[in-house]
Each structure stands twice: as structure tokens, then as C-alpha cells.
Amino acid sequence: MTPRIFSLIAAAVFLLIALGHALRLLFGWHITVGNIVVPVWMSWIGLAIAGYLAYQGFRLSRRIRSEVKVFGK
């Protein structure tokens, strides 16, 4: 697996996680882990982190692609 493909897959996974957090915020879904109810505000943190990681992953895959064109690998 090339670094570019890895970055794209990781970015897509983080994008799906961010989408899940966004949907939870939009619809107000409740999550219970064991006997603990996870507060909805935690999805704001999850959305920010997963969204940032997805952005960086797509950005890195683009940078790797442009470096390949420049160096002719």
C-alpha cells in the first residue's frame, strides 16, 4: 500500500466518523456505554478532531501526489 492510498483511506475513515458525530448532533441521538450516557456535547469535540484528521489526511494525499509528479517516481 502506498502512502497516498493509506492517507486517502485514513481520511475517508475519519470523514465517516465526523459524519457520524454531525448526525448525532443534528438528530440528538443518545449513546449509552454500559450504564453511562455519553453527553451530546462530546460529539462537538469528536466532530472537530475527526474533521481535522480527515482534512489533514486528504491534504497529505494531495501533497504526496504532487510530489510524485514533481520527482517523477
PDB file of N, CA and C in Angstrom:
ATOM      1  N   MET A   1       0.849  -1.171   0.000  1.00  0.00           N
ATOM      2  CA  MET A   1       0.000   0.000   0.000  1.00  0.00           C
ATOM      3  C   MET A   1       0.897   1.237   0.000  1.00  0.00           C
ATOM      4  N   THR A   2       0.614   2.128  -0.906  1.00  0.00           N
ATOM      5  CA  THR A   2       1.413   3.345  -0.998  1.00  0.00           C
ATOM      6  C   THR A   2       0.984   4.334   0.086  1.00  0.00           C
ATOM      7  N   PRO A   3       1.863   5.270   0.430  1.00  0.00           N
ATOM      8  CA  PRO A   3       1.494   6.284   1.425  1.00  0.00           C
ATOM      9  C   PRO A   3       0.273   7.111   1.005  1.00  0.00           C
ATOM     10  N   ARG A   4       0.128   7.347  -0.282  1.00  0.00           N
ATOM     11  CA  ARG A   4      -1.012   8.130  -0.762  1.00  0.00           C
ATOM     12  C   ARG A   4      -2.322   7.386  -0.530  1.00  0.00           C
ATOM     13  N   ILE A   5      -2.348   6.099  -0.849  1.00  0.00           N
ATOM     14  CA  ILE A   5      -3.556   5.300  -0.648  1.00  0.00           C
ATOM     15  C   ILE A   5      -3.886   5.204   0.837  1.00  0.00           C
ATOM     16  N   PHE A   6      -2.859   4.999   1.663  1.00  0.00           N
ATOM     17  CA  PHE A   6      -3.073   4.935   3.110  1.00  0.00           C
ATOM     18  C   PHE A   6      -3.689   6.229   3.624  1.00  0.00           C
ATOM     19  N   SER A   7      -3.165   7.366   3.168  1.00  0.00           N
ATOM     20  CA  SER A   7      -3.692   8.663   3.603  1.00  0.00           C
ATOM     21  C   SER A   7      -5.141   8.850   3.170  1.00  0.00           C
ATOM     22  N   LEU A   8      -5.459   8.412   1.962  1.00  0.00           N
ATOM     23  CA  LEU A   8      -6.833   8.532   1.475  1.00  0.00           C
ATOM     24  C   LEU A   8      -7.791   7.662   2.285  1.00  0.00           C
ATOM     25  N   ILE A   9      -7.382   6.431   2.585  1.00  0.00           N
ATOM     26  CA  ILE A   9      -8.246   5.533   3.356  1.00  0.00           C
ATOM     27  C   ILE A   9      -8.443   6.067   4.772  1.00  0.00           C
ATOM     28  N   ALA A  10      -7.355   6.501   5.405  1.00  0.00           N
ATOM     29  CA  ALA A  10      -7.459   7.048   6.761  1.00  0.00           C
ATOM     30  C   ALA A  10      -8.346   8.289   6.774  1.00  0.00           C
ATOM     31  N   ALA A  11      -8.188   9.155   5.781  1.00  0.00           N
ATOM     32  CA  ALA A  11      -9.007  10.367   5.705  1.00  0.00           C
ATOM     33  C   ALA A  11     -10.480  10.014   5.520  1.00  0.00           C
ATOM     34  N   ALA A  12     -10.764   9.013   4.691  1.00  0.00           N
ATOM     35  CA  ALA A  12     -12.155   8.602   4.472  1.00  0.00           C
ATOM     36  C   ALA A  12     -12.772   8.036   5.752  1.00  0.00           C
ATOM     37  N   VAL A  13     -11.997   7.260   6.506  1.00  0.00           N
ATOM     38  CA  VAL A  13     -12.495   6.711   7.772  1.00  0.00           C
ATOM     39  C   VAL A  13     -12.801   7.845   8.750  1.00  0.00           C
ATOM     40  N   PHE A  14     -11.881   8.795   8.876  1.00  0.00           N
ATOM     41  CA  PHE A  14     -12.116   9.918   9.787  1.00  0.00           C
ATOM     42  C   PHE A  14     -13.285  10.785   9.315  1.00  0.00           C
ATOM     43  N   LEU A  15     -13.466  10.887   8.011  1.00  0.00           N
ATOM     44  CA  LEU A  15     -14.607  11.638   7.487  1.00  0.00           C
ATOM     45  C   LEU A  15     -15.923  10.960   7.870  1.00  0.00           C
ATOM     46  N   LEU A  16     -15.965   9.633   7.801  1.00  0.00           N
ATOM     47  CA  LEU A  16     -17.164   8.904   8.211  1.00  0.00           C
ATOM     48  C   LEU A  16     -17.440   9.082   9.703  1.00  0.00           C
ATOM     49  N   ILE A  17     -16.387   9.079  10.510  1.00  0.00           N
ATOM     50  CA  ILE A  17     -16.548   9.296  11.948  1.00  0.00           C
ATOM     51  C   ILE A  17     -17.083  10.707  12.207  1.00  0.00           C
ATOM     52  N   ALA A  18     -16.528  11.692  11.510  1.00  0.00           N
ATOM     53  CA  ALA A  18     -17.009  13.071  11.660  1.00  0.00           C
ATOM     54  C   ALA A  18     -18.469  13.182  11.234  1.00  0.00           C
ATOM     55  N   LEU A  19     -18.831  12.492  10.166  1.00  0.00           N
ATOM     56  CA  LEU A  19     -20.220  12.495   9.707  1.00  0.00           C
ATOM     57  C   LEU A  19     -21.141  11.889  10.765  1.00  0.00           C
ATOM     58  N   GLY A  20     -20.695  10.814  11.407  1.00  0.00           N
ATOM     59  CA  GLY A  20     -21.479  10.207  12.483  1.00  0.00           C
ATOM     60  C   GLY A  20     -21.702  11.166  13.637  1.00  0.00           C
ATOM     61  N   HIS A  21     -20.655  11.893  14.015  1.00  0.00           N
ATOM     62  CA  HIS A  21     -20.797  12.887  15.084  1.00  0.00           C
ATOM     63  C   HIS A  21     -21.741  14.013  14.660  1.00  0.00           C
ATOM     64  N   ALA A  22     -21.627  14.448  13.408  1.00  0.00           N
ATOM     65  CA  ALA A  22     -22.504  15.516  12.919  1.00  0.00           C
ATOM     66  C   ALA A  22     -23.962  15.063  12.912  1.00  0.00           C
ATOM     67  N   LEU A  23     -24.205  13.818  12.507  1.00  0.00           N
ATOM     68  CA  LEU A  23     -25.573  13.299  12.511  1.00  0.00           C
ATOM     69  C   LEU A  23     -26.115  13.182  13.932  1.00  0.00           C
ATOM     70  N   ARG A  24     -25.257  12.772  14.858  1.00  0.00           N
ATOM     71  CA  ARG A  24     -25.685  12.688  16.261  1.00  0.00           C
ATOM     72  C   ARG A  24     -26.082  14.070  16.778  1.00  0.00           C
ATOM     73  N   LEU A  25     -25.297  15.086  16.435  1.00  0.00           N
ATOM     74  CA  LEU A  25     -25.628  16.448  16.858  1.00  0.00           C
ATOM     75  C   LEU A  25     -26.922  16.934  16.209  1.00  0.00           C
ATOM     76  N   LEU A  26     -27.081  16.617  14.938  1.00  0.00           N
ATOM     77  CA  LEU A  26     -28.257  17.074  14.196  1.00  0.00           C
ATOM     78  C   LEU A  26     -29.545  16.442  14.717  1.00  0.00           C
ATOM     79  N   PHE A  27     -29.503  15.138  14.975  1.00  0.00           N
ATOM     80  CA  PHE A  27     -30.708  14.422  15.387  1.00  0.00           C
ATOM     81  C   PHE A  27     -30.832  14.231  16.894  1.00  0.00           C
ATOM     82  N   GLY A  28     -29.795  14.589  17.645  1.00  0.00           N
ATOM     83  CA  GLY A  28     -29.852  14.469  19.099  1.00  0.00           C
ATOM     84  C   GLY A  28     -29.863  13.038  19.604  1.00  0.00           C
ATOM     85  N   TRP A  29     -29.206  12.142  18.866  1.00  0.00           N
ATOM     86  CA  TRP A  29     -29.171  10.737  19.270  1.00  0.00           C
ATOM     87  C   TRP A  29     -28.444  10.574  20.597  1.00  0.00           C
ATOM     88  N   HIS A  30     -28.897   9.629  21.398  1.00  0.00           N
ATOM     89  CA  HIS A  30     -28.271   9.327  22.682  1.00  0.00           C
ATOM     90  C   HIS A  30     -27.429   8.066  22.546  1.00  0.00           C
ATOM     91  N   ILE A  31     -26.267   8.061  23.191  1.00  0.00           N
ATOM     92  CA  ILE A  31     -25.380   6.899  23.196  1.00  0.00           C
ATOM     93  C   ILE A  31     -25.164   6.497  24.644  1.00  0.00           C
ATOM     94  N   THR A  32     -25.322   5.203  24.904  1.00  0.00           N
ATOM     95  CA  THR A  32     -25.098   4.676  26.242  1.00  0.00           C
ATOM     96  C   THR A  32     -24.013   3.612  26.160  1.00  0.00           C
ATOM     97  N   VAL A  33     -22.976   3.765  26.980  1.00  0.00           N
ATOM     98  CA  VAL A  33     -21.890   2.790  27.070  1.00  0.00           C
ATOM     99  C   VAL A  33     -21.972   2.184  28.466  1.00  0.00           C
ATOM    100  N   GLY A  34     -22.389   0.924  28.523  1.00  0.00           N
ATOM    101  CA  GLY A  34     -22.627   0.316  29.827  1.00  0.00           C
ATOM    102  C   GLY A  34     -23.804   1.013  30.484  1.00  0.00           C
ATOM    103  N   ASN A  35     -23.580   1.597  31.634  1.00  0.00           N
ATOM    104  CA  ASN A  35     -24.617   2.360  32.333  1.00  0.00           C
ATOM    105  C   ASN A  35     -24.399   3.862  32.231  1.00  0.00           C
ATOM    106  N   ILE A  36     -23.439   4.271  31.412  1.00  0.00           N
ATOM    107  CA  ILE A  36     -23.080   5.684  31.309  1.00  0.00           C
ATOM    108  C   ILE A  36     -23.645   6.264  30.013  1.00  0.00           C
ATOM    109  N   VAL A  37     -24.371   7.364  30.133  1.00  0.00           N
ATOM    110  CA  VAL A  37     -24.887   8.072  28.959  1.00  0.00           C
ATOM    111  C   VAL A  37     -23.835   9.092  28.531  1.00  0.00           C
ATOM    112  N   VAL A  38     -23.420   8.997  27.263  1.00  0.00           N
ATOM    113  CA  VAL A  38     -22.411   9.918  26.729  1.00  0.00           C
ATOM    114  C   VAL A  38     -23.106  11.232  26.371  1.00  0.00           C
ATOM    115  N   PRO A  39     -22.647  12.354  26.936  1.00  0.00           N
ATOM    116  CA  PRO A  39     -23.293  13.640  26.640  1.00  0.00           C
ATOM    117  C   PRO A  39     -23.148  14.029  25.166  1.00  0.00           C
ATOM    118  N   VAL A  40     -24.152  14.712  24.666  1.00  0.00           N
ATOM    119  CA  VAL A  40     -24.141  15.131  23.260  1.00  0.00           C
ATOM    120  C   VAL A  40     -23.002  16.112  22.995  1.00  0.00           C
ATOM    121  N   TRP A  41     -22.625  16.927  23.971  1.00  0.00           N
ATOM    122  CA  TRP A  41     -21.562  17.915  23.754  1.00  0.00           C
ATOM    123  C   TRP A  41     -20.232  17.252  23.402  1.00  0.00           C
ATOM    124  N   MET A  42     -20.057  15.987  23.792  1.00  0.00           N
ATOM    125  CA  MET A  42     -18.805  15.306  23.444  1.00  0.00           C
ATOM    126  C   MET A  42     -18.677  15.104  21.933  1.00  0.00           C
ATOM    127  N   SER A  43     -19.809  15.085  21.233  1.00  0.00           N
ATOM    128  CA  SER A  43     -19.757  14.950  19.781  1.00  0.00           C
ATOM    129  C   SER A  43     -19.176  16.191  19.117  1.00  0.00           C
ATOM    130  N   TRP A  44     -19.287  17.359  19.762  1.00  0.00           N
ATOM    131  CA  TRP A  44     -18.634  18.559  19.210  1.00  0.00           C
ATOM    132  C   TRP A  44     -17.124  18.352  19.184  1.00  0.00           C
ATOM    133  N   ILE A  45     -16.596  17.779  20.251  1.00  0.00           N
ATOM    134  CA  ILE A  45     -15.156  17.510  20.314  1.00  0.00           C
ATOM    135  C   ILE A  45     -14.784  16.450  19.285  1.00  0.00           C
ATOM    136  N   GLY A  46     -15.577  15.377  19.227  1.00  0.00           N
ATOM    137  CA  GLY A  46     -15.318  14.314  18.253  1.00  0.00           C
ATOM    138  C   GLY A  46     -15.399  14.804  16.824  1.00  0.00           C
ATOM    139  N   LEU A  47     -16.366  15.669  16.552  1.00  0.00           N
ATOM    140  CA  LEU A  47     -16.516  16.235  15.210  1.00  0.00           C
ATOM    141  C   LEU A  47     -15.304  17.078  14.841  1.00  0.00           C
ATOM    142  N   ALA A  48     -14.853  17.902  15.764  1.00  0.00           N
ATOM    143  CA  ALA A  48     -13.696  18.762  15.489  1.00  0.00           C
ATOM    144  C   ALA A  48     -12.439  17.933  15.247  1.00  0.00           C
ATOM    145  N   ILE A  49     -12.197  16.945  16.090  1.00  0.00           N
ATOM    146  CA  ILE A  49     -10.981  16.136  15.956  1.00  0.00           C
ATOM    147  C   ILE A  49     -11.032  15.277  14.696  1.00  0.00           C
ATOM    148  N   ALA A  50     -12.138  14.563  14.486  1.00  0.00           N
ATOM    149  CA  ALA A  50     -12.245  13.697  13.308  1.00  0.00           C
ATOM    150  C   ALA A  50     -12.244  14.521  12.021  1.00  0.00           C
ATOM    151  N   GLY A  51     -12.911  15.663  12.033  1.00  0.00           N
ATOM    152  CA  GLY A  51     -12.910  16.529  10.850  1.00  0.00           C
ATOM    153  C   GLY A  51     -11.526  17.045  10.517  1.00  0.00           C
ATOM    154  N   TYR A  52     -10.787  17.432  11.544  1.00  0.00           N
ATOM    155  CA  TYR A  52      -9.419  17.914  11.334  1.00  0.00           C
ATOM    156  C   TYR A  52      -8.529  16.800  10.786  1.00  0.00           C
ATOM    157  N   LEU A  53      -8.642  15.599  11.357  1.00  0.00           N
ATOM    158  CA  LEU A  53      -7.821  14.483  10.882  1.00  0.00           C
ATOM    159  C   LEU A  53      -8.181  14.094   9.446  1.00  0.00           C
ATOM    160  N   ALA A  54      -9.459  14.162   9.093  1.00  0.00           N
ATOM    161  CA  ALA A  54      -9.867  13.883   7.715  1.00  0.00           C
ATOM    162  C   ALA A  54      -9.284  14.928   6.766  1.00  0.00           C
ATOM    163  N   TYR A  55      -9.382  16.188   7.154  1.00  0.00           N
ATOM    164  CA  TYR A  55      -8.822  17.273   6.339  1.00  0.00           C
ATOM    165  C   TYR A  55      -7.324  17.074   6.119  1.00  0.00           C
ATOM    166  N   GLN A  56      -6.606  16.785   7.197  1.00  0.00           N
ATOM    167  CA  GLN A  56      -5.159  16.595   7.086  1.00  0.00           C
ATOM    168  C   GLN A  56      -4.820  15.372   6.236  1.00  0.00           C
ATOM    169  N   GLY A  57      -5.607  14.315   6.345  1.00  0.00           N
ATOM    170  CA  GLY A  57      -5.365  13.119   5.538  1.00  0.00           C
ATOM    171  C   GLY A  57      -5.542  13.389   4.052  1.00  0.00           C
ATOM    172  N   PHE A  58      -6.619  14.089   3.687  1.00  0.00           N
ATOM    173  CA  PHE A  58      -6.828  14.427   2.279  1.00  0.00           C
ATOM    174  C   PHE A  58      -5.748  15.393   1.790  1.00  0.00           C
ATOM    175  N   ARG A  59      -5.374  16.316   2.634  1.00  0.00           N
ATOM    176  CA  ARG A  59      -4.317  17.275   2.281  1.00  0.00           C
ATOM    177  C   ARG A  59      -2.987  16.560   2.049  1.00  0.00           C
ATOM    178  N   LEU A  60      -2.662  15.615   2.927  1.00  0.00           N
ATOM    179  CA  LEU A  60      -1.418  14.865   2.785  1.00  0.00           C
ATOM    180  C   LEU A  60      -1.427  14.024   1.515  1.00  0.00           C
ATOM    181  N   SER A  61      -2.542  13.390   1.203  1.00  0.00           N
ATOM    182  CA  SER A  61      -2.596  12.567  -0.007  1.00  0.00           C
ATOM    183  C   SER A  61      -2.429  13.424  -1.256  1.00  0.00           C
ATOM    184  N   ARG A  62      -2.937  14.644  -1.214  1.00  0.00           N
ATOM    185  CA  ARG A  62      -2.745  15.559  -2.341  1.00  0.00           C
ATOM    186  C   ARG A  62      -1.290  15.977  -2.474  1.00  0.00           C
ATOM    187  N   ARG A  63      -0.658  16.238  -1.321  1.00  0.00           N
ATOM    188  CA  ARG A  63       0.746  16.645  -1.330  1.00  0.00           C
ATOM    189  C   ARG A  63       1.633  15.511  -1.841  1.00  0.00           C
ATOM    190  N   ILE A  64       1.331  14.292  -1.433  1.00  0.00           N
ATOM    191  CA  ILE A  64       2.113  13.142  -1.892  1.00  0.00           C
ATOM    192  C   ILE A  64       1.968  12.996  -3.398  1.00  0.00           C
ATOM    193  N   ARG A  65       0.745  13.184  -3.923  1.00  0.00           N
ATOM    194  CA  ARG A  65       0.521  13.059  -5.361  1.00  0.00           C
ATOM    195  C   ARG A  65       1.303  14.118  -6.130  1.00  0.00           C
ATOM    196  N   SER A  66       1.330  15.351  -5.623  1.00  0.00           N
ATOM    197  CA  SER A  66       2.049  16.414  -6.326  1.00  0.00           C
ATOM    198  C   SER A  66       3.557  16.198  -6.251  1.00  0.00           C
ATOM    199  N   GLU A  67       4.051  15.630  -5.141  1.00  0.00           N
ATOM    200  CA  GLU A  67       5.480  15.335  -5.044  1.00  0.00           C
ATOM    201  C   GLU A  67       5.873  14.240  -6.019  1.00  0.00           C
ATOM    202  N   VAL A  68       4.983  13.279  -6.240  1.00  0.00           N
ATOM    203  CA  VAL A  68       5.269  12.207  -7.189  1.00  0.00           C
ATOM    204  C   VAL A  68       5.384  12.786  -8.591  1.00  0.00           C
ATOM    205  N   LYS A  69       4.521  13.739  -8.941  1.00  0.00           N
ATOM    206  CA  LYS A  69       4.588  14.351 -10.265  1.00  0.00           C
ATOM    207  C   LYS A  69       5.875  15.155 -10.433  1.00  0.00           C
ATOM    208  N   VAL A  70       6.291  15.845  -9.382  1.00  0.00           N
ATOM    209  CA  VAL A  70       7.486  16.677  -9.465  1.00  0.00           C
ATOM    210  C   VAL A  70       8.736  15.821  -9.588  1.00  0.00           C
ATOM    211  N   PHE A  71       8.824  14.786  -8.765  1.00  0.00           N
ATOM    212  CA  PHE A  71      10.029  13.965  -8.747  1.00  0.00           C
ATOM    213  C   PHE A  71       9.974  12.806  -9.728  1.00  0.00           C
ATOM    214  N   GLY A  72       8.832  12.549 -10.340  1.00  0.00           N
ATOM    215  CA  GLY A  72       8.719  11.524 -11.361  1.00  0.00           C
ATOM    216  C   GLY A  72       8.891  10.107 -10.859  1.00  0.00           C
ATOM    217  N   LYS A  73       8.432   9.814  -9.673  1.00  0.00           N
ATOM    218  CA  LYS A  73       8.556   8.451  -9.126  1.00  0.00           C
ATOM    219  C   LYS A  73       7.549   7.525  -9.736  1.00  0.00           C
TER     220      LYS A  73
END
